[in-house]
Amino acid sequence: IWINANEVPGNGLDDDGNGYVDDVNGWDFANQTNRVYDEELAYDEWHGTHIAGIIAADQNNEKGISGIAPDAKIMVLKVFQNGTA
């Protein structure tokens, strides 16, 4: 998972000046928050996780899948909520 190295986690500031506070691991545009995963909404969030695995899964690790871009970094950006963008 991509990490925003220019952001200090949990300090409540937009350290990198991009307009998003504490966006260390991505951004939830549906709710305008830095909370990119909610266990209570796991059913609503499975699609992106599945696609990220297809894209960036490690190769040659005997797990049964090889990603199409195993060296890719995944940036978490939530744009859908309850199937609506």
N, C-alpha and C. Protein backbone atom coordinates (compact mmCIF):
# COMPACT_ATOMS: atom_id res chain seq x y z
N ILE A 1 0.86 -1.18 0.00
CA ILE A 1 0.00 0.00 0.00
C ILE A 1 0.90 1.24 0.00
N TRP A 2 0.54 2.19 -0.85
CA TRP A 2 1.26 3.45 -0.94
C TRP A 2 1.16 4.18 0.39
N ILE A 3 2.25 4.85 0.77
CA ILE A 3 2.28 5.67 1.98
C ILE A 3 2.72 7.07 1.59
N ASN A 4 1.97 8.07 2.02
CA ASN A 4 2.32 9.46 1.77
C ASN A 4 3.38 9.87 2.78
N ALA A 5 4.62 9.83 2.37
CA ALA A 5 5.75 10.12 3.26
C ALA A 5 5.81 11.58 3.68
N ASN A 6 5.07 12.46 3.00
CA ASN A 6 5.07 13.89 3.33
C ASN A 6 4.00 14.27 4.33
N GLU A 7 3.28 13.28 4.84
CA GLU A 7 2.20 13.53 5.80
C GLU A 7 2.56 12.90 7.13
N VAL A 8 2.34 13.63 8.23
CA VAL A 8 2.58 13.11 9.57
C VAL A 8 1.27 12.52 10.08
N PRO A 9 1.24 11.21 10.35
CA PRO A 9 -0.02 10.58 10.75
C PRO A 9 -0.56 11.10 12.08
N GLY A 10 -1.86 11.37 12.10
CA GLY A 10 -2.56 11.67 13.34
C GLY A 10 -2.34 13.03 13.95
N ASN A 11 -1.69 13.97 13.24
CA ASN A 11 -1.46 15.27 13.87
C ASN A 11 -2.53 16.30 13.52
N GLY A 12 -3.52 15.91 12.69
CA GLY A 12 -4.63 16.80 12.36
C GLY A 12 -4.26 17.95 11.44
N LEU A 13 -3.12 17.85 10.77
CA LEU A 13 -2.66 18.91 9.87
C LEU A 13 -2.49 18.38 8.46
N ASP A 14 -2.58 19.26 7.49
CA ASP A 14 -2.30 18.94 6.09
C ASP A 14 -0.84 19.26 5.84
N ASP A 15 0.04 18.37 6.27
CA ASP A 15 1.49 18.62 6.23
C ASP A 15 2.03 18.82 4.81
N ASP A 16 1.46 18.14 3.83
CA ASP A 16 1.99 18.25 2.47
C ASP A 16 1.26 19.30 1.63
N GLY A 17 0.26 19.96 2.20
CA GLY A 17 -0.43 21.05 1.54
C GLY A 17 -1.26 20.65 0.33
N ASN A 18 -1.73 19.40 0.28
CA ASN A 18 -2.53 18.96 -0.86
C ASN A 18 -4.04 19.09 -0.63
N GLY A 19 -4.43 19.62 0.51
CA GLY A 19 -5.85 19.83 0.79
C GLY A 19 -6.51 18.70 1.57
N TYR A 20 -5.75 17.66 1.93
CA TYR A 20 -6.30 16.51 2.64
C TYR A 20 -5.51 16.29 3.93
N VAL A 21 -6.19 16.33 5.06
CA VAL A 21 -5.56 16.22 6.37
C VAL A 21 -5.27 14.76 6.71
N ASP A 22 -4.03 14.48 7.08
CA ASP A 22 -3.59 13.14 7.51
C ASP A 22 -3.89 12.05 6.48
N ASP A 23 -3.70 12.34 5.20
CA ASP A 23 -3.94 11.37 4.13
C ASP A 23 -2.70 10.48 3.94
N VAL A 24 -2.37 9.76 4.98
CA VAL A 24 -1.18 8.92 4.99
C VAL A 24 -1.32 7.73 4.05
N ASN A 25 -2.49 7.09 4.04
CA ASN A 25 -2.71 5.90 3.21
C ASN A 25 -3.73 6.10 2.10
N GLY A 26 -4.22 7.29 1.91
CA GLY A 26 -5.19 7.55 0.86
C GLY A 26 -6.29 8.47 1.37
N TRP A 27 -7.44 8.47 0.66
CA TRP A 27 -8.51 9.39 1.01
C TRP A 27 -9.86 8.80 0.64
N ASP A 28 -10.85 9.05 1.48
CA ASP A 28 -12.23 8.63 1.26
C ASP A 28 -12.99 9.84 0.74
N PHE A 29 -13.14 9.94 -0.59
CA PHE A 29 -13.86 11.06 -1.19
C PHE A 29 -15.36 10.99 -0.95
N ALA A 30 -15.89 9.81 -0.72
CA ALA A 30 -17.32 9.65 -0.47
C ALA A 30 -17.73 10.31 0.84
N ASN A 31 -16.83 10.29 1.84
CA ASN A 31 -17.14 10.85 3.15
C ASN A 31 -16.21 11.99 3.56
N GLN A 32 -15.30 12.37 2.68
CA GLN A 32 -14.33 13.45 2.94
C GLN A 32 -13.57 13.22 4.25
N THR A 33 -12.93 12.04 4.34
CA THR A 33 -12.17 11.69 5.53
C THR A 33 -10.93 10.89 5.14
N ASN A 34 -9.98 10.79 6.05
CA ASN A 34 -8.78 9.99 5.80
C ASN A 34 -8.96 8.53 6.20
N ARG A 35 -10.13 8.18 6.69
CA ARG A 35 -10.41 6.79 7.07
C ARG A 35 -10.78 6.01 5.81
N VAL A 36 -9.82 5.24 5.30
CA VAL A 36 -10.02 4.58 4.02
C VAL A 36 -10.56 3.16 4.13
N TYR A 37 -10.68 2.64 5.35
CA TYR A 37 -11.26 1.31 5.52
C TYR A 37 -12.07 1.28 6.80
N ASP A 38 -13.24 0.69 6.70
CA ASP A 38 -14.13 0.56 7.84
C ASP A 38 -14.59 -0.90 7.90
N GLU A 39 -14.20 -1.62 8.93
CA GLU A 39 -14.55 -3.04 9.05
C GLU A 39 -16.06 -3.26 8.99
N GLU A 40 -16.83 -2.33 9.51
CA GLU A 40 -18.28 -2.47 9.49
C GLU A 40 -18.85 -2.39 8.07
N LEU A 41 -18.08 -1.84 7.15
CA LEU A 41 -18.52 -1.71 5.76
C LEU A 41 -17.74 -2.63 4.83
N ALA A 42 -17.15 -3.68 5.37
CA ALA A 42 -16.30 -4.57 4.58
C ALA A 42 -17.03 -5.11 3.35
N TYR A 43 -18.30 -5.43 3.47
CA TYR A 43 -19.04 -5.95 2.32
C TYR A 43 -19.12 -4.91 1.20
N ASP A 44 -19.21 -3.65 1.56
CA ASP A 44 -19.31 -2.56 0.59
C ASP A 44 -17.95 -2.24 -0.04
N GLU A 45 -16.86 -2.70 0.59
CA GLU A 45 -15.52 -2.30 0.17
C GLU A 45 -14.71 -3.43 -0.45
N TRP A 46 -15.30 -4.58 -0.70
CA TRP A 46 -14.54 -5.74 -1.16
C TRP A 46 -14.04 -5.60 -2.58
N HIS A 47 -14.76 -4.90 -3.44
CA HIS A 47 -14.41 -4.85 -4.86
C HIS A 47 -13.02 -4.25 -5.09
N GLY A 48 -12.74 -3.13 -4.48
CA GLY A 48 -11.44 -2.49 -4.65
C GLY A 48 -10.30 -3.35 -4.14
N THR A 49 -10.53 -4.03 -3.02
CA THR A 49 -9.52 -4.92 -2.48
C THR A 49 -9.24 -6.06 -3.44
N HIS A 50 -10.29 -6.61 -4.02
CA HIS A 50 -10.15 -7.70 -4.99
C HIS A 50 -9.34 -7.25 -6.21
N ILE A 51 -9.67 -6.10 -6.75
CA ILE A 51 -8.99 -5.58 -7.94
C ILE A 51 -7.53 -5.24 -7.61
N ALA A 52 -7.28 -4.67 -6.43
CA ALA A 52 -5.90 -4.38 -6.03
C ALA A 52 -5.06 -5.65 -5.99
N GLY A 53 -5.66 -6.74 -5.55
CA GLY A 53 -4.95 -8.02 -5.52
C GLY A 53 -4.62 -8.52 -6.91
N ILE A 54 -5.53 -8.35 -7.85
CA ILE A 54 -5.27 -8.75 -9.23
C ILE A 54 -4.12 -7.92 -9.81
N ILE A 55 -4.09 -6.66 -9.49
CA ILE A 55 -3.07 -5.78 -10.03
C ILE A 55 -1.71 -6.02 -9.40
N ALA A 56 -1.62 -6.04 -8.08
CA ALA A 56 -0.32 -5.96 -7.43
C ALA A 56 0.10 -7.18 -6.61
N ALA A 57 -0.57 -8.31 -6.79
CA ALA A 57 -0.17 -9.51 -6.04
C ALA A 57 1.27 -9.90 -6.37
N ASP A 58 2.01 -10.36 -5.37
CA ASP A 58 3.38 -10.83 -5.58
C ASP A 58 3.40 -11.98 -6.57
N GLN A 59 4.49 -12.05 -7.31
CA GLN A 59 4.66 -13.17 -8.25
C GLN A 59 5.58 -14.21 -7.63
N ASN A 60 5.42 -15.43 -8.09
CA ASN A 60 6.30 -16.54 -7.71
C ASN A 60 6.38 -16.77 -6.20
N ASN A 61 5.25 -16.65 -5.51
CA ASN A 61 5.25 -16.88 -4.06
C ASN A 61 4.45 -18.12 -3.68
N GLU A 62 4.05 -18.92 -4.68
CA GLU A 62 3.32 -20.16 -4.47
C GLU A 62 1.97 -19.95 -3.78
N LYS A 63 1.35 -18.79 -3.98
CA LYS A 63 0.04 -18.49 -3.38
C LYS A 63 -1.09 -18.68 -4.39
N GLY A 64 -0.76 -18.95 -5.66
CA GLY A 64 -1.79 -19.23 -6.65
C GLY A 64 -2.21 -18.05 -7.50
N ILE A 65 -1.63 -16.90 -7.31
CA ILE A 65 -1.96 -15.73 -8.14
C ILE A 65 -0.68 -14.92 -8.35
N SER A 66 -0.59 -14.33 -9.53
CA SER A 66 0.48 -13.40 -9.84
C SER A 66 -0.15 -12.13 -10.37
N GLY A 67 0.16 -11.01 -9.77
CA GLY A 67 -0.42 -9.75 -10.21
C GLY A 67 0.13 -9.34 -11.56
N ILE A 68 -0.61 -8.50 -12.26
CA ILE A 68 -0.15 -8.03 -13.56
C ILE A 68 0.91 -6.94 -13.42
N ALA A 69 1.01 -6.33 -12.25
CA ALA A 69 2.02 -5.30 -11.98
C ALA A 69 2.49 -5.46 -10.54
N PRO A 70 3.24 -6.53 -10.24
CA PRO A 70 3.58 -6.86 -8.86
C PRO A 70 4.43 -5.81 -8.13
N ASP A 71 5.05 -4.91 -8.85
CA ASP A 71 5.85 -3.86 -8.21
C ASP A 71 5.06 -2.57 -8.02
N ALA A 72 3.78 -2.59 -8.38
CA ALA A 72 2.95 -1.39 -8.26
C ALA A 72 2.68 -1.06 -6.80
N LYS A 73 2.49 0.21 -6.52
CA LYS A 73 2.04 0.68 -5.21
C LYS A 73 0.56 1.01 -5.35
N ILE A 74 -0.25 0.56 -4.41
CA ILE A 74 -1.69 0.80 -4.44
C ILE A 74 -2.02 1.99 -3.54
N MET A 75 -2.66 3.01 -4.13
CA MET A 75 -3.12 4.17 -3.36
C MET A 75 -4.61 3.98 -3.11
N VAL A 76 -5.01 3.99 -1.86
CA VAL A 76 -6.41 3.77 -1.51
C VAL A 76 -7.17 5.08 -1.69
N LEU A 77 -8.14 5.05 -2.61
CA LEU A 77 -9.01 6.19 -2.86
C LEU A 77 -10.43 5.67 -2.93
N LYS A 78 -11.23 6.01 -1.93
CA LYS A 78 -12.62 5.55 -1.91
C LYS A 78 -13.48 6.60 -2.61
N VAL A 79 -14.18 6.17 -3.66
CA VAL A 79 -15.04 7.09 -4.38
C VAL A 79 -16.48 6.61 -4.44
N PHE A 80 -16.72 5.35 -4.10
CA PHE A 80 -18.07 4.77 -4.09
C PHE A 80 -18.53 4.53 -2.66
N GLN A 81 -19.81 4.66 -2.45
CA GLN A 81 -20.40 4.28 -1.18
C GLN A 81 -21.78 3.70 -1.48
N ASN A 82 -22.01 2.50 -0.98
CA ASN A 82 -23.27 1.79 -1.24
C ASN A 82 -23.55 1.67 -2.74
N GLY A 83 -22.48 1.47 -3.51
CA GLY A 83 -22.62 1.28 -4.95
C GLY A 83 -22.85 2.55 -5.74
N THR A 84 -22.71 3.71 -5.12
CA THR A 84 -22.95 4.98 -5.79
C THR A 84 -21.70 5.86 -5.71
N ALA A 85 -21.36 6.45 -6.87
CA ALA A 85 -20.21 7.36 -6.91
C ALA A 85 -20.70 8.78 -7.06
